Amino acid sequence: MPGVEFVAGDVRDTDVLDAALKGVTTIVSAITGFGGPDALGSRAVDRDGNLALIAAAQRAGVEHLVLLSVEQAGPRHPIELFRDKWAAEEALRSSGLAWTIIRPTAYLETWLGIIGGPLAESGRTRIFGRGRNPINFVSALDVARFVDLAISDPGLRSVVIDAPGPANLGFDELAADAEVAIGRTGTKQHMPVPMMRMAALVAGLRNPVLAAQIRAAIVMDSRDMTADGPTLRRAYPSIPLTPVADVAARMFGSREGLLAESAGA
C-alpha cells in the first residue's frame, strides 16, 4: 500500500516499543490476544501489552492514544477479555495522556467468518450454545470510521465512545443472514452448554487461551449482550449503521459463484 510502512514487533518488548514510537504523535491500539490460531491470550496482550504500550507512549511524549476496548468492559465481567480491556482503560485514563476509548460490540466480520465461513465452504457449521441469545454486532468498517473521527476531532479527547451496530441477533439469525448471502442453506449443529463447559475444562489443561474463548462463548449464550444501536449512534450521524446483510453480502455474496465455477472447471 503506497505511503504505508509495515513494521513487525512485539508490544510486550520495551526496546521495540521505544524504537517504534520515536516521533509518533498519535497511537491507535487495536491489539488483541483473544482470538486467532496463534493467540497469546487477552491477559498477555489486551491487558499487559496495552499497559506496556501506554507506558512507552508516556516516555515518548505521544500526544493522543486511541484504545479499542469492548462494550461492557468492566472489572467484574465474567469474560476475561472484558476485564483485561477494562484494566487497559483504567491505565490509559490515569496516564496523563490525551485519550479516546472506543467500545465496539461483537465484530460482525469475526462472527460471520466463524459461523458463515464453514457454511460457505462445506455447507455445515457449528453454533456454540442455543444460538438464540441476542447479541449486538457491529461492522469493523463502522468501527474504523469511529477511529478516524476520534483522531480528527479534538472534541473527542477524554471521551468513551460506544460503537454498537444496528441489530441484536442470535447466532442462528446470523447463520441465516450468511445463508442468504451464500445462496443456499446448510446444516447447523449446536454445541450444548454442558458440552462446552467440559470442553473448557479439558482445554484448560493444555490451551488456556482456547479455554477462555469457550468460556466466553458460554457467557454469550446467556448474558444480556444487547445494545440500542440506533439510539446510541444518533450522536454520530456521519457514521453509518451498516446492516448485517450488507456485511454478509460483502463477505459471501460472490463466494458461491466462485465455488461453482471452480467445481465446473
Protein backbone atom coordinates (compact mmCIF):
# COMPACT_ATOMS: atom_id res chain seq x y z
CA MET A 1 0.00 0.00 0.00
CA PRO A 2 1.61 3.32 -1.07
CA GLY A 3 2.69 5.57 1.77
CA VAL A 4 2.22 2.90 4.44
CA GLU A 5 5.13 1.35 6.28
CA PHE A 6 4.56 -2.01 7.99
CA VAL A 7 6.73 -2.89 10.96
CA ALA A 8 6.51 -6.19 12.85
CA GLY A 9 7.23 -6.18 16.55
CA ASP A 10 6.21 -7.45 19.97
CA VAL A 11 4.17 -5.00 22.01
CA ARG A 12 5.48 -6.67 25.16
CA ASP A 13 9.09 -5.75 24.28
CA THR A 14 10.08 -2.39 25.80
CA ASP A 15 13.01 -1.83 23.43
CA VAL A 16 10.82 -2.49 20.39
CA LEU A 17 8.15 -0.09 21.64
CA ASP A 18 10.60 2.70 22.41
CA ALA A 19 12.15 2.44 18.95
CA ALA A 20 8.77 2.27 17.20
CA LEU A 21 7.32 5.31 18.98
CA LYS A 22 10.08 7.78 18.21
CA GLY A 23 8.45 10.83 16.62
CA VAL A 24 4.93 9.35 16.91
CA THR A 25 2.15 11.75 17.85
CA THR A 26 -0.92 9.51 17.69
CA ILE A 27 -1.37 5.83 18.57
CA VAL A 28 -4.34 3.59 17.78
CA SER A 29 -4.19 0.43 19.84
CA ALA A 30 -6.21 -2.35 18.20
CA ILE A 31 -4.11 -5.18 19.62
CA THR A 32 -5.78 -8.32 20.98
CA GLY A 33 -4.66 -11.75 22.05
CA PHE A 34 -8.16 -13.18 22.37
CA GLY A 35 -8.74 -14.88 19.02
CA GLY A 36 -6.89 -16.41 16.09
CA PRO A 37 -4.73 -19.50 15.67
CA ASP A 38 -1.66 -18.00 17.38
CA ALA A 39 -3.47 -16.03 20.08
CA LEU A 40 -1.44 -15.34 23.22
CA GLY A 41 -4.43 -14.60 25.43
CA SER A 42 -6.12 -11.38 26.47
CA ARG A 43 -4.12 -11.07 29.69
CA ALA A 44 -0.80 -11.05 27.81
CA VAL A 45 -1.89 -8.70 25.03
CA ASP A 46 -5.11 -6.79 25.79
CA ARG A 47 -4.02 -6.08 29.35
CA ASP A 48 -0.23 -6.33 29.70
CA GLY A 49 0.51 -5.38 26.10
CA ASN A 50 -1.61 -2.26 26.34
CA LEU A 51 -0.10 -1.36 29.72
CA ALA A 52 3.36 -1.58 28.15
CA LEU A 53 2.21 0.49 25.15
CA ILE A 54 0.73 3.20 27.40
CA ALA A 55 3.95 3.40 29.43
CA ALA A 56 6.01 3.65 26.23
CA ALA A 57 3.67 6.38 24.93
CA GLN A 58 4.29 8.36 28.11
CA ARG A 59 8.05 8.03 27.67
CA ALA A 60 7.82 9.08 24.02
CA GLY A 61 5.61 12.10 24.65
CA VAL A 62 2.79 10.82 22.42
CA GLU A 63 0.01 13.38 22.07
CA HIS A 64 -3.04 11.12 21.74
CA LEU A 65 -3.79 7.41 22.25
CA VAL A 66 -6.95 5.79 20.90
CA LEU A 67 -7.77 2.50 22.58
CA LEU A 68 -10.11 -0.05 21.04
CA SER A 69 -11.79 -1.67 24.01
CA VAL A 70 -15.09 -3.58 24.12
CA GLU A 71 -18.69 -2.78 25.05
CA GLN A 72 -19.48 -3.84 28.64
CA ALA A 73 -15.81 -3.76 29.67
CA GLY A 74 -15.66 -3.89 33.44
CA PRO A 75 -13.65 -5.20 36.40
CA ARG A 76 -16.12 -7.98 37.27
CA HIS A 77 -17.33 -9.05 33.85
CA PRO A 78 -17.44 -12.88 33.51
CA ILE A 79 -15.44 -12.78 30.26
CA GLU A 80 -11.70 -12.38 30.86
CA LEU A 81 -11.23 -10.23 27.75
CA PHE A 82 -13.67 -7.64 29.08
CA ARG A 83 -11.83 -7.46 32.42
CA ASP A 84 -8.47 -7.09 30.67
CA LYS A 85 -9.78 -4.33 28.40
CA TRP A 86 -11.07 -2.55 31.49
CA ALA A 87 -7.62 -2.72 33.09
CA ALA A 88 -6.16 -1.11 29.95
CA GLU A 89 -8.86 1.57 30.02
CA GLU A 90 -8.10 2.41 33.65
CA ALA A 91 -4.37 2.65 32.95
CA LEU A 92 -4.98 4.95 30.00
CA ARG A 93 -7.37 7.22 31.91
CA SER A 94 -4.80 7.70 34.67
CA SER A 95 -1.78 8.02 32.35
CA GLY A 96 -1.86 11.77 31.78
CA LEU A 97 -2.06 11.19 28.02
CA ALA A 98 -4.81 12.62 25.85
CA TRP A 99 -7.04 9.62 25.19
CA THR A 100 -10.13 8.30 23.46
CA ILE A 101 -11.67 4.91 24.26
CA ILE A 102 -13.86 3.21 21.66
CA ARG A 103 -16.07 0.34 22.80
CA PRO A 104 -17.38 -1.78 19.92
CA THR A 105 -19.84 -4.59 20.43
CA ALA A 106 -19.11 -8.00 18.84
CA TYR A 107 -17.48 -7.69 15.43
CA LEU A 108 -19.73 -8.82 12.59
CA GLU A 109 -16.88 -9.85 10.33
CA THR A 110 -15.39 -12.06 13.03
CA TRP A 111 -18.56 -13.94 13.88
CA LEU A 112 -19.84 -14.16 10.30
CA GLY A 113 -16.49 -15.72 9.48
CA ILE A 114 -16.73 -18.20 12.34
CA ILE A 115 -20.31 -19.22 11.56
CA GLY A 116 -20.75 -18.40 7.89
CA GLY A 117 -17.29 -19.38 6.65
CA PRO A 118 -17.85 -23.12 7.18
CA LEU A 119 -21.33 -22.84 5.64
CA ALA A 120 -19.83 -21.34 2.50
CA GLU A 121 -17.03 -23.90 2.30
CA SER A 122 -18.76 -27.13 3.30
CA GLY A 123 -22.44 -26.40 3.90
CA ARG A 124 -22.05 -27.21 7.60
CA THR A 125 -21.29 -25.13 10.68
CA ARG A 126 -21.19 -25.40 14.46
CA ILE A 127 -23.01 -22.92 16.68
CA PHE A 128 -21.97 -22.51 20.30
CA GLY A 129 -24.91 -22.86 22.67
CA ARG A 130 -28.57 -22.48 21.79
CA GLY A 131 -27.97 -19.81 19.17
CA ARG A 132 -30.94 -17.75 20.36
CA ASN A 133 -29.43 -15.28 22.85
CA PRO A 134 -29.49 -11.81 21.20
CA ILE A 135 -26.10 -10.14 20.78
CA ASN A 136 -25.30 -6.77 19.27
CA PHE A 137 -22.96 -6.94 16.28
CA VAL A 138 -21.12 -4.07 14.59
CA SER A 139 -19.17 -3.91 11.33
CA ALA A 140 -15.42 -3.41 11.70
CA LEU A 141 -15.65 -0.80 8.92
CA ASP A 142 -18.00 1.29 11.06
CA VAL A 143 -15.58 0.99 13.98
CA ALA A 144 -12.75 2.14 11.70
CA ARG A 145 -14.78 5.26 10.93
CA PHE A 146 -15.05 5.91 14.67
CA VAL A 147 -11.27 5.65 14.91
CA ASP A 148 -10.85 8.17 12.09
CA LEU A 149 -13.30 10.53 13.80
CA ALA A 150 -11.54 10.17 17.16
CA ILE A 151 -8.22 11.11 15.56
CA SER A 152 -9.53 14.10 13.61
CA ASP A 153 -11.96 15.62 16.14
CA PRO A 154 -10.25 17.28 19.15
CA GLY A 155 -13.61 17.29 20.91
CA LEU A 156 -13.37 13.53 21.33
CA ARG A 157 -10.47 13.65 23.77
CA SER A 158 -11.20 12.12 27.21
CA VAL A 159 -14.34 10.53 25.76
CA VAL A 160 -15.58 6.93 25.87
CA ILE A 161 -17.42 6.16 22.63
CA ASP A 162 -19.95 3.31 22.49
CA ALA A 163 -19.88 1.79 18.99
CA PRO A 164 -22.81 -0.63 18.56
CA GLY A 165 -24.35 -1.98 15.39
CA PRO A 166 -27.96 -1.71 14.23
CA ALA A 167 -29.40 -5.03 15.43
CA ASN A 168 -29.36 -7.62 18.18
CA LEU A 169 -29.22 -11.14 16.76
CA GLY A 170 -28.74 -14.69 17.96
CA PHE A 171 -26.14 -16.89 16.30
CA ASP A 172 -28.95 -18.75 14.49
CA GLU A 173 -30.09 -15.48 12.91
CA LEU A 174 -26.50 -14.64 11.99
CA ALA A 175 -26.22 -18.02 10.26
CA ALA A 176 -29.45 -17.30 8.37
CA ASP A 177 -28.04 -13.99 7.09
CA ALA A 178 -24.92 -15.83 5.93
CA GLU A 179 -27.06 -18.42 4.13
CA VAL A 180 -28.95 -15.71 2.26
CA ALA A 181 -25.67 -14.15 1.10
CA ILE A 182 -24.20 -17.53 0.16
CA GLY A 183 -27.33 -18.52 -1.73
CA ARG A 184 -28.07 -21.85 -0.07
CA THR A 185 -29.00 -23.32 3.29
CA GLY A 186 -26.72 -25.54 5.30
CA THR A 187 -26.60 -27.85 8.30
CA LYS A 188 -26.23 -26.21 11.69
CA GLN A 189 -25.06 -28.24 14.68
CA HIS A 190 -25.44 -26.72 18.14
CA MET A 191 -22.93 -27.46 20.89
CA PRO A 192 -24.83 -27.72 24.21
CA VAL A 193 -23.58 -25.62 27.11
CA PRO A 194 -22.73 -28.67 29.31
CA MET A 195 -20.50 -29.94 26.50
CA MET A 196 -18.90 -26.51 26.21
CA ARG A 197 -18.16 -26.47 29.95
CA MET A 198 -16.49 -29.86 29.67
CA ALA A 199 -14.53 -28.71 26.62
CA ALA A 200 -13.31 -25.63 28.54
CA LEU A 201 -12.12 -27.82 31.42
CA VAL A 202 -10.23 -30.15 29.09
CA ALA A 203 -8.77 -27.31 27.01
CA GLY A 204 -7.65 -25.51 30.17
CA LEU A 205 -5.13 -28.25 30.87
CA ARG A 206 -3.16 -27.58 27.69
CA ASN A 207 -4.54 -24.50 25.97
CA PRO A 208 -5.77 -21.82 28.40
CA VAL A 209 -6.38 -19.37 25.53
CA LEU A 210 -8.83 -21.79 23.88
CA ALA A 211 -10.44 -22.45 27.26
CA ALA A 212 -11.00 -18.70 27.72
CA GLN A 213 -12.63 -18.50 24.28
CA ILE A 214 -15.00 -21.37 25.11
CA ARG A 215 -15.92 -19.81 28.46
CA ALA A 216 -16.65 -16.54 26.64
CA ALA A 217 -18.99 -18.39 24.27
CA ILE A 218 -20.85 -19.82 27.28
CA VAL A 219 -21.38 -16.31 28.66
CA MET A 220 -22.53 -15.07 25.25
CA ASP A 221 -25.19 -17.80 25.26
CA SER A 222 -26.86 -16.45 28.40
CA ARG A 223 -25.82 -12.89 29.32
CA ASP A 224 -27.56 -9.76 28.05
CA MET A 225 -25.24 -8.68 25.22
CA THR A 226 -27.69 -6.32 23.53
CA ALA A 227 -27.37 -2.61 22.80
CA ASP A 228 -29.71 0.07 21.47
CA GLY A 229 -27.64 0.81 18.39
CA PRO A 230 -29.81 3.44 16.69
CA THR A 231 -30.19 5.49 19.90
CA LEU A 232 -26.50 5.34 20.85
CA ARG A 233 -25.40 6.23 17.33
CA ARG A 234 -27.53 9.37 16.98
CA ALA A 235 -24.64 11.35 18.42
CA TYR A 236 -22.51 10.32 15.41
CA PRO A 237 -24.70 10.82 12.32
CA SER A 238 -21.72 10.76 9.94
CA ILE A 239 -21.05 7.09 10.69
CA PRO A 240 -23.44 4.59 9.08
CA LEU A 241 -25.15 1.71 10.84
CA THR A 242 -24.09 -0.98 8.39
CA PRO A 243 -26.71 -3.80 8.30
CA VAL A 244 -25.72 -7.42 8.84
CA ALA A 245 -26.99 -8.30 5.38
CA ASP A 246 -24.59 -5.82 3.75
CA VAL A 247 -21.58 -7.27 5.57
CA ALA A 248 -22.69 -10.83 4.77
CA ALA A 249 -23.11 -9.92 1.10
CA ARG A 250 -19.63 -8.39 1.03
CA MET A 251 -18.11 -11.47 2.63
CA PHE A 252 -20.07 -14.24 0.90
CA GLY A 253 -22.12 -12.74 -1.92
CA SER A 254 -19.79 -13.81 -4.75
CA ARG A 255 -18.31 -16.78 -2.95
CA GLU A 256 -20.95 -19.30 -4.03
CA GLY A 257 -20.45 -18.31 -7.65
CA LEU A 258 -16.72 -18.72 -7.36
CA LEU A 259 -17.13 -22.17 -5.78
CA ALA A 260 -19.49 -23.20 -8.57
CA GLU A 261 -17.02 -22.00 -11.19
CA SER A 262 -14.22 -23.94 -9.51
CA ALA A 263 -16.36 -27.10 -9.43
CA GLY A 264 -17.24 -26.69 -13.10
CA ALA A 265 -13.59 -26.22 -14.08
